[in-house]
């Protein structure tokens, strides 16, 4: 009978009157897509380098790459970098290169972990989103 109920209040009244609710079927999760999203969240979640919180979203990575190119051309160059928390930090060319290297290592680690997680999904050793979350949280 409940398939004919059209509002949530009608449904609640039906259940309260002794109707039996049908079990809700869980929607299957695309674990590979979930892992890809976890990788992206990890990659773009930011890092701290030398006490400076560094944003790692796509725009920030482009700015960091450009700053690194300039720092490599002119080792005497310096700038003021606005960190992920909004605080401005004077940074030298060497610091910009270190930040860029750390960001690259962070992104690489996110992709390497994603590759391991997908392999575990394919092997059947990771079977739930919670296990994917745990894998990305463990690093």
C-alpha atoms as a PDB file:
ATOM      1  CA  UNK A   1       0.000   0.000   0.000  1.00  0.00           C
ATOM      2  CA  UNK A   2       2.777   2.463   0.777  1.00  0.00           C
ATOM      3  CA  UNK A   3       3.699   2.779  -2.906  1.00  0.00           C
ATOM      4  CA  UNK A   4       0.514   4.807  -3.268  1.00  0.00           C
ATOM      5  CA  UNK A   5       1.500   7.225  -0.505  1.00  0.00           C
ATOM      6  CA  UNK A   6       2.553  10.534  -1.984  1.00  0.00           C
ATOM      7  CA  UNK A   7       3.937  12.564   0.915  1.00  0.00           C
ATOM      8  CA  UNK A   8       6.307  11.847   3.760  1.00  0.00           C
ATOM      9  CA  UNK A   9       3.565  12.660   6.265  1.00  0.00           C
ATOM     10  CA  UNK A  10       1.284  10.048   4.655  1.00  0.00           C
ATOM     11  CA  UNK A  11       4.116   7.537   4.840  1.00  0.00           C
ATOM     12  CA  UNK A  12       4.853   8.295   8.514  1.00  0.00           C
ATOM     13  CA  UNK A  13       1.129   7.940   9.320  1.00  0.00           C
ATOM     14  CA  UNK A  14       1.020   4.608   7.502  1.00  0.00           C
ATOM     15  CA  UNK A  15       4.066   3.321   9.438  1.00  0.00           C
ATOM     16  CA  UNK A  16       2.610   4.612  12.735  1.00  0.00           C
ATOM     17  CA  UNK A  17      -0.643   2.767  11.978  1.00  0.00           C
ATOM     18  CA  UNK A  18       1.266  -0.516  11.726  1.00  0.00           C
ATOM     19  CA  UNK A  19       2.455  -0.447   8.138  1.00  0.00           C
ATOM     20  CA  UNK A  20       5.755  -2.138   7.513  1.00  0.00           C
ATOM     21  CA  UNK A  21       8.434  -0.138   5.777  1.00  0.00           C
ATOM     22  CA  UNK A  22      10.337  -1.893   3.027  1.00  0.00           C
ATOM     23  CA  UNK A  23      14.083  -2.057   3.596  1.00  0.00           C
ATOM     24  CA  UNK A  24      15.998   0.645   1.807  1.00  0.00           C
ATOM     25  CA  UNK A  25      18.453  -0.778  -0.664  1.00  0.00           C
ATOM     26  CA  UNK A  26      21.891   0.788  -0.444  1.00  0.00           C
ATOM     27  CA  UNK A  27      23.109   2.385  -3.625  1.00  0.00           C
ATOM     28  CA  UNK A  28      26.334   0.700  -4.727  1.00  0.00           C
ATOM     29  CA  UNK A  29      29.382   2.936  -4.455  1.00  0.00           C
ATOM     30  CA  UNK A  30      31.775   3.239  -7.373  1.00  0.00           C
ATOM     31  CA  UNK A  31      34.921   2.620  -5.331  1.00  0.00           C
ATOM     32  CA  UNK A  32      37.290   3.712  -8.110  1.00  0.00           C
ATOM     33  CA  UNK A  33      35.463   7.040  -8.423  1.00  0.00           C
ATOM     34  CA  UNK A  34      35.418   7.403  -4.643  1.00  0.00           C
ATOM     35  CA  UNK A  35      39.176   6.748  -4.562  1.00  0.00           C
ATOM     36  CA  UNK A  36      39.741   9.328  -7.311  1.00  0.00           C
ATOM     37  CA  UNK A  37      37.842  11.897  -5.265  1.00  0.00           C
ATOM     38  CA  UNK A  38      39.826  10.984  -2.145  1.00  0.00           C
ATOM     39  CA  UNK A  39      43.044  11.443  -4.137  1.00  0.00           C
ATOM     40  CA  UNK A  40      41.899  14.839  -5.384  1.00  0.00           C
ATOM     41  CA  UNK A  41      40.917  15.942  -1.851  1.00  0.00           C
ATOM     42  CA  UNK A  42      44.320  14.801  -0.590  1.00  0.00           C
ATOM     43  CA  UNK A  43      46.185  16.504  -3.446  1.00  0.00           C
ATOM     44  CA  UNK A  44      44.377  19.815  -3.045  1.00  0.00           C
ATOM     45  CA  UNK A  45      44.201  19.772   0.757  1.00  0.00           C
ATOM     46  CA  UNK A  46      47.407  21.738   1.275  1.00  0.00           C
ATOM     47  CA  UNK A  47      50.643  21.133   3.172  1.00  0.00           C
ATOM     48  CA  UNK A  48      52.943  22.954   5.556  1.00  0.00           C
ATOM     49  CA  UNK A  49      56.473  23.750   4.408  1.00  0.00           C
ATOM     50  CA  UNK A  50      58.909  25.379   6.799  1.00  0.00           C
ATOM     51  CA  UNK A  51      56.030  26.401   9.040  1.00  0.00           C
ATOM     52  CA  UNK A  52      54.139  28.028   6.167  1.00  0.00           C
ATOM     53  CA  UNK A  53      50.740  26.550   5.212  1.00  0.00           C
ATOM     54  CA  UNK A  54      50.812  26.124   1.447  1.00  0.00           C
ATOM     55  CA  UNK A  55      47.669  25.772  -0.652  1.00  0.00           C
ATOM     56  CA  UNK A  56      47.847  22.966  -3.213  1.00  0.00           C
ATOM     57  CA  UNK A  57      44.774  23.683  -5.304  1.00  0.00           C
ATOM     58  CA  UNK A  58      45.366  23.890  -9.057  1.00  0.00           C
ATOM     59  CA  UNK A  59      45.750  27.688  -9.155  1.00  0.00           C
ATOM     60  CA  UNK A  60      48.244  27.673  -6.291  1.00  0.00           C
ATOM     61  CA  UNK A  61      50.296  24.937  -7.938  1.00  0.00           C
ATOM     62  CA  UNK A  62      50.531  27.052 -11.095  1.00  0.00           C
ATOM     63  CA  UNK A  63      51.652  30.101  -9.136  1.00  0.00           C
ATOM     64  CA  UNK A  64      54.218  28.041  -7.243  1.00  0.00           C
ATOM     65  CA  UNK A  65      55.566  26.573 -10.490  1.00  0.00           C
ATOM     66  CA  UNK A  66      55.903  30.035 -12.012  1.00  0.00           C
ATOM     67  CA  UNK A  67      57.628  31.355  -8.899  1.00  0.00           C
ATOM     68  CA  UNK A  68      60.029  28.417  -8.990  1.00  0.00           C
ATOM     69  CA  UNK A  69      60.979  29.131 -12.597  1.00  0.00           C
ATOM     70  CA  UNK A  70      61.783  32.723 -11.656  1.00  0.00           C
ATOM     71  CA  UNK A  71      63.669  31.610  -8.528  1.00  0.00           C
ATOM     72  CA  UNK A  72      65.834  29.259 -10.580  1.00  0.00           C
ATOM     73  CA  UNK A  73      66.660  32.031 -13.058  1.00  0.00           C
ATOM     74  CA  UNK A  74      67.413  34.596 -10.336  1.00  0.00           C
ATOM     75  CA  UNK A  75      68.679  33.046  -7.083  1.00  0.00           C
ATOM     76  CA  UNK A  76      68.746  36.529  -5.479  1.00  0.00           C
ATOM     77  CA  UNK A  77      65.001  36.992  -6.084  1.00  0.00           C
ATOM     78  CA  UNK A  78      62.574  37.097  -3.203  1.00  0.00           C
ATOM     79  CA  UNK A  79      58.896  37.810  -2.789  1.00  0.00           C
ATOM     80  CA  UNK A  80      56.133  37.972  -0.229  1.00  0.00           C
ATOM     81  CA  UNK A  81      53.957  34.860  -0.379  1.00  0.00           C
ATOM     82  CA  UNK A  82      50.436  34.824   0.991  1.00  0.00           C
ATOM     83  CA  UNK A  83      50.030  31.500   2.742  1.00  0.00           C
ATOM     84  CA  UNK A  84      46.931  29.325   2.777  1.00  0.00           C
ATOM     85  CA  UNK A  85      45.908  30.920   6.083  1.00  0.00           C
ATOM     86  CA  UNK A  86      46.130  34.447   4.642  1.00  0.00           C
ATOM     87  CA  UNK A  87      49.350  35.354   6.461  1.00  0.00           C
ATOM     88  CA  UNK A  88      52.007  36.979   4.292  1.00  0.00           C
ATOM     89  CA  UNK A  89      55.531  35.541   4.439  1.00  0.00           C
ATOM     90  CA  UNK A  90      58.702  36.944   2.864  1.00  0.00           C
ATOM     91  CA  UNK A  91      60.340  34.057   1.004  1.00  0.00           C
ATOM     92  CA  UNK A  92      63.663  33.753  -0.749  1.00  0.00           C
ATOM     93  CA  UNK A  93      64.298  32.052  -4.072  1.00  0.00           C
ATOM     94  CA  UNK A  94      65.648  29.035  -2.165  1.00  0.00           C
ATOM     95  CA  UNK A  95      62.478  28.860  -0.052  1.00  0.00           C
ATOM     96  CA  UNK A  96      60.285  29.031  -3.164  1.00  0.00           C
ATOM     97  CA  UNK A  97      62.256  26.155  -4.684  1.00  0.00           C
ATOM     98  CA  UNK A  98      61.832  24.161  -1.456  1.00  0.00           C
ATOM     99  CA  UNK A  99      58.092  24.898  -1.402  1.00  0.00           C
ATOM    100  CA  UNK A 100      57.776  23.830  -5.028  1.00  0.00           C
ATOM    101  CA  UNK A 101      59.684  20.597  -4.385  1.00  0.00           C
ATOM    102  CA  UNK A 102      57.502  19.829  -1.362  1.00  0.00           C
ATOM    103  CA  UNK A 103      54.313  20.463  -3.356  1.00  0.00           C
ATOM    104  CA  UNK A 104      55.543  18.200  -6.146  1.00  0.00           C
ATOM    105  CA  UNK A 105      56.355  15.451  -3.628  1.00  0.00           C
ATOM    106  CA  UNK A 106      52.913  15.897  -2.027  1.00  0.00           C
ATOM    107  CA  UNK A 107      51.103  15.597  -5.373  1.00  0.00           C
ATOM    108  CA  UNK A 108      53.237  12.626  -6.387  1.00  0.00           C
ATOM    109  CA  UNK A 109      52.480  10.873  -3.091  1.00  0.00           C
ATOM    110  CA  UNK A 110      48.741  11.429  -3.590  1.00  0.00           C
ATOM    111  CA  UNK A 111      48.859   9.827  -7.043  1.00  0.00           C
ATOM    112  CA  UNK A 112      51.055   6.943  -5.871  1.00  0.00           C
ATOM    113  CA  UNK A 113      48.664   6.234  -3.004  1.00  0.00           C
ATOM    114  CA  UNK A 114      45.717   6.416  -5.397  1.00  0.00           C
ATOM    115  CA  UNK A 115      47.428   3.830  -7.614  1.00  0.00           C
ATOM    116  CA  UNK A 116      47.907   1.534  -4.596  1.00  0.00           C
ATOM    117  CA  UNK A 117      44.285   1.983  -3.512  1.00  0.00           C
ATOM    118  CA  UNK A 118      42.933   1.222  -6.997  1.00  0.00           C
ATOM    119  CA  UNK A 119      45.118  -1.897  -7.149  1.00  0.00           C
ATOM    120  CA  UNK A 120      43.695  -2.956  -3.766  1.00  0.00           C
ATOM    121  CA  UNK A 121      40.152  -2.309  -5.014  1.00  0.00           C
ATOM    122  CA  UNK A 122      40.866  -4.421  -8.099  1.00  0.00           C
ATOM    123  CA  UNK A 123      42.331  -7.176  -5.895  1.00  0.00           C
ATOM    124  CA  UNK A 124      39.294  -7.090  -3.617  1.00  0.00           C
ATOM    125  CA  UNK A 125      41.252  -6.127  -0.492  1.00  0.00           C
ATOM    126  CA  UNK A 126      39.585  -2.703  -0.309  1.00  0.00           C
ATOM    127  CA  UNK A 127      35.819  -3.041  -0.537  1.00  0.00           C
ATOM    128  CA  UNK A 128      34.348  -0.004   1.222  1.00  0.00           C
ATOM    129  CA  UNK A 129      34.626   3.785   1.148  1.00  0.00           C
ATOM    130  CA  UNK A 130      35.699   3.658   4.814  1.00  0.00           C
ATOM    131  CA  UNK A 131      38.717   1.559   3.846  1.00  0.00           C
ATOM    132  CA  UNK A 132      39.609   4.083   1.164  1.00  0.00           C
ATOM    133  CA  UNK A 133      39.302   6.910   3.691  1.00  0.00           C
ATOM    134  CA  UNK A 134      41.533   4.986   6.096  1.00  0.00           C
ATOM    135  CA  UNK A 135      44.162   4.437   3.400  1.00  0.00           C
ATOM    136  CA  UNK A 136      44.315   8.154   2.599  1.00  0.00           C
ATOM    137  CA  UNK A 137      44.263   9.158   6.279  1.00  0.00           C
ATOM    138  CA  UNK A 138      47.117   6.810   7.180  1.00  0.00           C
ATOM    139  CA  UNK A 139      49.731   8.692   5.182  1.00  0.00           C
END
